[in-house]
Amino acid sequence: MEQYVMTPREKNLAAIGEIAYKYGYTVEDMLGHRRFKKMVAVRRECIGMLRAKGFSTTEIGRIMNRDHSSIVTSLQTLAAENG
């Protein structure tokens, strides 16, 4: 019996899903364009997690359906929040 191996994209979306689920959101919420304050904070946490995994801002942008400049801004905000 062959074992299913997740693609890198599927692994990233699963990790995003875990963070989203913790706060009552879905992967679709994180990849969507709604900008509720709480949702943006959770999305920023997902972006921080991807950055910690070593992804570039362009790669994170592709994963999160955003422009890399939006990712840069999110990472700057995350750094400011964490002092």
Protein backbone atom coordinates (compact mmCIF):
# COMPACT_ATOMS: atom_id res chain seq x y z
CA MET A 1 0.00 0.00 0.00
CA GLU A 2 1.40 3.36 -1.05
CA GLN A 3 1.66 6.11 1.55
CA TYR A 4 0.42 9.56 0.57
CA VAL A 5 3.07 12.28 0.82
CA MET A 6 1.94 15.87 1.20
CA THR A 7 3.33 18.44 -1.22
CA PRO A 8 5.13 21.46 0.27
CA ARG A 9 2.08 23.63 -0.53
CA GLU A 10 -0.23 21.18 1.24
CA LYS A 11 2.07 21.17 4.28
CA ASN A 12 2.06 24.97 4.41
CA LEU A 13 -1.72 25.16 4.02
CA ALA A 14 -2.09 22.54 6.78
CA ALA A 15 0.10 24.64 9.10
CA ILE A 16 -1.92 27.75 8.21
CA GLY A 17 -5.09 25.75 8.87
CA GLU A 18 -3.89 24.76 12.34
CA ILE A 19 -3.23 28.38 13.30
CA ALA A 20 -6.54 29.52 11.78
CA TYR A 21 -8.50 26.76 13.53
CA LYS A 22 -7.01 27.74 16.88
CA TYR A 23 -8.72 31.15 16.50
CA GLY A 24 -11.94 29.93 14.87
CA TYR A 25 -11.03 30.72 11.25
CA THR A 26 -10.43 28.65 8.13
CA VAL A 27 -7.62 28.49 5.58
CA GLU A 28 -9.96 30.29 3.18
CA ASP A 29 -10.30 33.13 5.71
CA MET A 30 -6.52 33.44 5.94
CA LEU A 31 -6.05 33.43 2.17
CA GLY A 32 -9.02 35.71 1.51
CA HIS A 33 -9.12 39.48 1.46
CA ARG A 34 -11.40 40.30 4.38
CA ARG A 35 -9.68 42.65 6.79
CA PHE A 36 -11.35 42.24 10.16
CA LYS A 37 -8.89 43.32 12.84
CA LYS A 38 -8.73 39.91 14.58
CA MET A 39 -8.46 38.06 11.26
CA VAL A 40 -5.56 40.28 10.17
CA ALA A 41 -3.74 39.50 13.43
CA VAL A 42 -4.16 35.75 12.86
CA ARG A 43 -3.07 36.13 9.22
CA ARG A 44 0.03 37.98 10.46
CA GLU A 45 0.80 35.05 12.78
CA CYS A 46 0.59 32.71 9.77
CA ILE A 47 2.97 34.97 7.86
CA GLY A 48 5.39 34.98 10.79
CA MET A 49 5.28 31.18 10.95
CA LEU A 50 6.10 30.92 7.24
CA ARG A 51 8.96 33.41 7.63
CA ALA A 52 10.33 31.38 10.53
CA LYS A 53 10.37 28.37 8.19
CA GLY A 54 12.73 30.34 5.96
CA PHE A 55 10.43 31.42 3.13
CA SER A 56 11.14 34.68 1.28
CA THR A 57 8.56 37.47 1.21
CA THR A 58 7.78 36.62 -2.43
CA GLU A 59 7.21 32.95 -1.57
CA ILE A 60 5.03 33.86 1.41
CA GLY A 61 3.07 36.24 -0.81
CA ARG A 62 2.42 33.42 -3.27
CA ILE A 63 1.27 31.09 -0.48
CA MET A 64 -0.95 33.73 1.16
CA ASN A 65 -2.35 35.21 -2.10
CA ARG A 66 -0.77 38.61 -1.41
CA ASP A 67 1.81 40.92 -2.88
CA HIS A 68 5.25 40.61 -1.33
CA SER A 69 5.08 44.24 -0.17
CA SER A 70 2.04 43.35 1.97
CA ILE A 71 4.09 40.56 3.50
CA VAL A 72 6.96 42.97 4.26
CA THR A 73 4.50 45.31 6.00
CA SER A 74 3.02 42.43 8.02
CA LEU A 75 6.48 41.27 9.10
CA GLN A 76 7.41 44.83 10.14
CA THR A 77 4.21 45.10 12.17
CA LEU A 78 4.89 41.70 13.74
CA ALA A 79 8.42 42.78 14.69
CA ALA A 80 7.11 46.02 16.22
CA GLU A 81 4.48 44.13 18.22
CA ASN A 82 7.10 41.74 19.59
CA GLY A 83 9.42 44.57 20.49
